[in-house]
Every structure is written in C-alpha cells, then in structure tokens.
Amino acid sequence: MTIADYDPQWPILYQEEKDCILEAIGHVIVAIEHVGSTAVPGLGAKPIIDIMVAVSHLADAEGCIDPLQAIGYGYIPEHEVSMPQRRYFDKGPAEARIHLHVVELAGEFWQRHLLFRDFLRDHAQVAQEYEQLKRELAAKYGSDRAGYTEAKTSFIRSVEARARALTSPNEPQRGIFDLPLPNPGEQGGQETRARAPLAQTWERGRG
C-alpha cells in the first residue's frame, strides 16, 4: 500500500470524471462531491479519486447501473451487505483508480464524508496529523487494507465529532445547497456558486 504525495492533478481528474458522470446519469443526480483524501489540498493519499453522488432516493441508483457500466464502471453489489446505504462502483487501473459511491442526499454517509473532508480542508494541522498516521499505518499493515482501514477509524470518528461540534443545528448541511453557475460569475477562491433549490443542486464546487 502506497501513500503518495499530494498531486495537484487529483482535482483535475475529479472534474473530468464528474463531467462524464453527469453526462451519463445527470438526470437523477442531485449532488456530486469529490471526497476522501485526494479532495484535500496538500494531503498525501492513496491515488484514488473518491466521488460521492447523491440521489433523492436510494432506489434511484438502480437506474444508474447500466449507464455507469457503459462509461467503464464496475458495479460491486457485495459491499451492500456491510454498507446497505451505499451503491458502490469502481473504474480504472490501480495507479489511477476511481471509486464512486451513490447514496441518498443528506443521509449519514453523505454527511459524515463532507464533515470529515471539510474539517481537514479547514484545519491544515489536523490534515498533516492524518497524513502522518496514514503513512505509519501503511508501513505497518502493508497489503492488509482491512487492518489499515480499521486502524484509521478512531481518528476519523474523532475528527467527525469535532466537526459536528462546530456545526450549528440550524445551519444547512454544507455541500447541499450550492449550484455552479452555468456561466462565469462572481468567483471566490476556487468556487463559483449560487443559491438554488435543493432539487437543482449538483455540487458545492470545492472539489
């Protein structure tokens, strides 16, 4: 198992793949996000682009299987035994792997992954601690991916708890209500955003 240094190509690869996904199943997508370590600038990671797609109802994912397979994704239903709230797909060679997670909008899976990603984006020291932990665990567990993943869990849960503590109960979940403008508009950093009804939402725009 290899933890690579951060690659500025990762968000570019995400953007390219996002466009393909939207073309294939955009009619059922209500949000799409770049998550996981490759979504955090400066963070070393396994070279895997994790993409999280939200649909209104998990049953909508059934209609995504054939279109996603047509653009190269493999559907892996066996993971649903341990994670029934997600439909999982993957694509590409080991050195440029893409993991696609289809979940319900605002479900626990959706919320936890955004909380963790955004906290690391906003707290560089915590992101650095996470990278150090990952490198140590990768050296310890080698090809034992299950052991590596389990060993990270307590750190991840602690970060999620800290992120939840900073979130007002009256504040809308981040990542749900932002819609990229169809034409260039006011820009802030990497974002070009506009408020939009929930049903129109595709992405926060921070990937």
Protein backbone atom coordinates (compact mmCIF):
# COMPACT_ATOMS: atom_id res chain seq x y z
CA MET A 1 0.00 0.00 0.00
CA THR A 2 1.43 3.37 -1.03
CA ILE A 3 0.61 6.81 0.31
CA ALA A 4 1.59 9.21 -2.46
CA ASP A 5 2.46 12.87 -2.02
CA TYR A 6 -0.38 15.23 -2.88
CA ASP A 7 -0.84 15.59 -6.63
CA PRO A 8 -2.45 18.79 -7.98
CA GLN A 9 -3.79 16.67 -10.84
CA TRP A 10 -6.24 14.94 -8.49
CA PRO A 11 -8.90 17.69 -8.52
CA ILE A 12 -8.47 17.98 -12.28
CA LEU A 13 -9.07 14.25 -12.69
CA TYR A 14 -12.13 14.58 -10.48
CA GLN A 15 -13.51 17.39 -12.60
CA GLU A 16 -13.01 15.41 -15.80
CA GLU A 17 -14.70 12.34 -14.34
CA LYS A 18 -17.51 14.40 -12.86
CA ASP A 19 -18.37 15.68 -16.32
CA CYS A 20 -18.58 12.11 -17.63
CA ILE A 21 -20.77 11.03 -14.73
CA LEU A 22 -23.13 13.96 -15.15
CA GLU A 23 -23.47 13.20 -18.83
CA ALA A 24 -24.34 9.59 -18.04
CA ILE A 25 -26.67 9.95 -15.04
CA GLY A 26 -27.10 13.70 -14.50
CA HIS A 27 -30.89 13.35 -14.77
CA VAL A 28 -31.02 11.57 -11.39
CA ILE A 29 -28.13 13.29 -9.58
CA VAL A 30 -28.99 15.97 -7.02
CA ALA A 31 -25.39 16.49 -5.76
CA ILE A 32 -21.88 15.33 -6.56
CA GLU A 33 -18.72 15.81 -4.48
CA HIS A 34 -15.04 14.97 -4.51
CA VAL A 35 -14.38 13.31 -1.14
CA GLY A 36 -11.64 11.33 0.52
CA SER A 37 -8.02 12.35 0.95
CA THR A 38 -7.44 13.32 -2.68
CA ALA A 39 -10.07 16.05 -2.16
CA VAL A 40 -7.94 17.79 0.50
CA PRO A 41 -5.25 20.11 -0.94
CA GLY A 42 -1.79 19.19 0.28
CA LEU A 43 -2.80 15.87 1.82
CA GLY A 44 -0.89 12.74 0.81
CA ALA A 45 -3.14 9.84 -0.14
CA LYS A 46 -3.58 6.60 -1.96
CA PRO A 47 -4.00 7.69 -5.61
CA ILE A 48 -7.75 7.01 -5.64
CA ILE A 49 -10.32 9.61 -6.65
CA ASP A 50 -13.37 9.12 -4.43
CA ILE A 51 -16.54 10.59 -5.88
CA MET A 52 -19.78 10.76 -3.90
CA VAL A 53 -23.02 11.09 -5.84
CA ALA A 54 -26.33 11.84 -4.15
CA VAL A 55 -29.74 10.79 -5.41
CA SER A 56 -33.11 11.65 -3.91
CA HIS A 57 -33.89 8.03 -3.06
CA LEU A 58 -31.51 5.09 -2.97
CA ALA A 59 -33.85 3.20 -5.31
CA ASP A 60 -32.85 5.72 -8.00
CA ALA A 61 -29.38 4.14 -8.00
CA GLU A 62 -30.75 1.05 -9.74
CA GLY A 63 -31.27 3.08 -12.89
CA CYS A 64 -27.65 4.27 -12.75
CA ILE A 65 -26.05 0.83 -13.08
CA ASP A 66 -26.28 0.36 -16.84
CA PRO A 67 -25.30 3.96 -17.78
CA LEU A 68 -22.30 3.83 -15.43
CA GLN A 69 -21.21 0.47 -16.77
CA ALA A 70 -21.39 1.98 -20.26
CA ILE A 71 -18.70 4.53 -19.28
CA GLY A 72 -16.41 1.93 -17.73
CA TYR A 73 -17.58 1.49 -14.13
CA GLY A 74 -17.94 -1.88 -12.49
CA TYR A 75 -20.84 -2.34 -10.08
CA ILE A 76 -19.85 -4.19 -6.89
CA PRO A 77 -23.02 -5.18 -5.00
CA GLU A 78 -21.32 -7.43 -2.43
CA HIS A 79 -20.35 -4.36 -0.38
CA GLU A 80 -24.03 -3.70 0.28
CA VAL A 81 -24.05 -6.48 2.90
CA SER A 82 -21.95 -4.32 5.25
CA MET A 83 -22.98 -0.92 3.86
CA PRO A 84 -26.61 -1.13 2.63
CA GLN A 85 -26.98 2.66 2.43
CA ARG A 86 -24.47 2.86 -0.46
CA ARG A 87 -24.17 1.60 -4.02
CA TYR A 88 -20.51 1.19 -4.95
CA PHE A 89 -18.80 1.33 -8.34
CA ASP A 90 -15.15 1.48 -9.39
CA LYS A 91 -13.16 2.19 -12.53
CA GLY A 92 -9.62 2.36 -13.86
CA PRO A 93 -6.22 0.78 -13.21
CA ALA A 94 -4.63 0.61 -9.75
CA GLU A 95 -2.46 3.66 -10.40
CA ALA A 96 -5.46 5.81 -11.37
CA ARG A 97 -8.42 4.27 -9.58
CA ILE A 98 -11.82 5.91 -9.22
CA HIS A 99 -14.26 4.89 -6.51
CA LEU A 100 -17.86 6.02 -6.96
CA HIS A 101 -20.30 6.00 -4.05
CA VAL A 102 -24.01 6.53 -4.77
CA VAL A 103 -26.01 7.44 -1.66
CA GLU A 104 -29.12 9.30 -0.59
CA LEU A 105 -28.79 13.06 -0.25
CA ALA A 106 -28.31 14.18 3.37
CA GLY A 107 -28.06 10.60 4.63
CA GLU A 108 -25.47 9.67 7.24
CA PHE A 109 -22.90 8.53 4.67
CA TRP A 110 -23.23 11.83 2.80
CA GLN A 111 -23.00 13.98 5.93
CA ARG A 112 -20.05 12.17 7.53
CA HIS A 113 -17.88 12.31 4.43
CA LEU A 114 -18.49 16.02 3.90
CA LEU A 115 -17.88 16.81 7.57
CA PHE A 116 -14.56 14.97 7.54
CA ARG A 117 -13.38 16.40 4.22
CA ASP A 118 -14.29 19.98 5.06
CA PHE A 119 -12.71 19.83 8.51
CA LEU A 120 -9.41 18.66 7.02
CA ARG A 121 -9.60 21.37 4.35
CA ASP A 122 -10.08 23.99 7.04
CA HIS A 123 -7.54 22.62 9.57
CA ALA A 124 -4.16 22.02 7.94
CA GLN A 125 -2.55 20.76 11.16
CA VAL A 126 -5.18 18.02 11.55
CA ALA A 127 -4.73 17.07 7.89
CA GLN A 128 -0.98 16.80 8.49
CA GLU A 129 -1.60 14.56 11.53
CA TYR A 130 -3.89 12.38 9.41
CA GLU A 131 -1.26 12.01 6.70
CA GLN A 132 1.38 11.04 9.24
CA LEU A 133 -0.98 8.44 10.72
CA LYS A 134 -1.76 7.02 7.29
CA ARG A 135 1.90 6.68 6.38
CA GLU A 136 2.64 4.91 9.66
CA LEU A 137 -0.30 2.55 9.22
CA ALA A 138 0.54 1.85 5.59
CA ALA A 139 4.04 0.80 6.65
CA LYS A 140 2.62 -1.34 9.45
CA TYR A 141 -0.22 -3.08 7.60
CA GLY A 142 1.23 -3.33 4.09
CA SER A 143 -1.29 -5.07 1.84
CA ASP A 144 -3.75 -5.63 4.72
CA ARG A 145 -6.27 -3.00 3.62
CA ALA A 146 -8.89 -4.08 6.15
CA GLY A 147 -6.44 -3.68 9.03
CA TYR A 148 -5.26 -0.32 7.69
CA THR A 149 -8.83 0.97 7.36
CA GLU A 150 -9.87 -0.24 10.79
CA ALA A 151 -6.80 1.34 12.41
CA LYS A 152 -7.76 4.76 10.97
CA THR A 153 -11.31 4.62 12.25
CA SER A 154 -10.84 6.14 15.70
CA PHE A 155 -9.02 9.16 14.25
CA ILE A 156 -11.71 9.67 11.61
CA ARG A 157 -14.52 9.43 14.14
CA SER A 158 -12.80 11.92 16.44
CA VAL A 159 -12.49 14.42 13.58
CA GLU A 160 -16.15 13.92 12.65
CA ALA A 161 -17.13 14.58 16.28
CA ARG A 162 -15.10 17.81 16.32
CA ALA A 163 -16.68 18.87 13.03
CA ARG A 164 -20.20 18.22 14.31
CA ALA A 165 -19.47 20.24 17.43
CA LEU A 166 -18.67 23.24 15.22
CA THR A 167 -21.84 22.89 13.15
CA SER A 168 -24.88 24.85 14.28
CA PRO A 169 -28.02 22.70 14.48
CA ASN A 170 -29.81 25.39 12.46
CA GLU A 171 -27.18 25.60 9.72
CA PRO A 172 -27.94 23.77 6.44
CA GLN A 173 -25.65 20.84 5.69
CA ARG A 174 -22.68 22.14 3.72
CA GLY A 175 -22.49 20.87 0.17
CA ILE A 176 -26.23 20.55 -0.40
CA PHE A 177 -27.49 23.97 -1.43
CA ASP A 178 -24.82 25.29 -3.80
CA LEU A 179 -25.23 25.16 -7.56
CA PRO A 180 -22.42 26.05 -10.00
CA LEU A 181 -23.43 28.91 -12.24
CA PRO A 182 -23.91 27.87 -15.89
CA ASN A 183 -21.82 30.88 -16.99
CA PRO A 184 -18.83 32.55 -15.28
CA GLY A 185 -19.89 34.84 -12.48
CA GLU A 186 -18.58 36.11 -9.21
CA GLN A 187 -15.72 33.90 -8.06
CA GLY A 188 -14.33 33.32 -4.61
CA GLY A 189 -11.16 31.27 -4.48
CA GLN A 190 -11.91 28.03 -6.29
CA GLU A 191 -15.68 28.47 -6.10
CA THR A 192 -18.32 29.89 -8.40
CA ARG A 193 -21.63 29.38 -6.67
CA ALA A 194 -25.26 30.44 -6.42
CA ARG A 195 -28.04 29.56 -4.04
CA ALA A 196 -30.54 27.18 -5.58
CA PRO A 197 -33.48 24.95 -4.67
CA LEU A 198 -32.43 21.59 -3.29
CA ALA A 199 -33.77 19.67 -6.29
CA GLN A 200 -31.49 21.63 -8.62
CA THR A 201 -28.32 21.12 -6.61
CA TRP A 202 -25.32 19.37 -8.11
CA GLU A 203 -22.18 20.40 -6.28
CA ARG A 204 -20.65 22.69 -3.75
CA GLY A 205 -17.77 23.34 -6.14
CA ARG A 206 -14.85 22.80 -3.80
CA GLY A 207 -13.52 19.62 -5.46
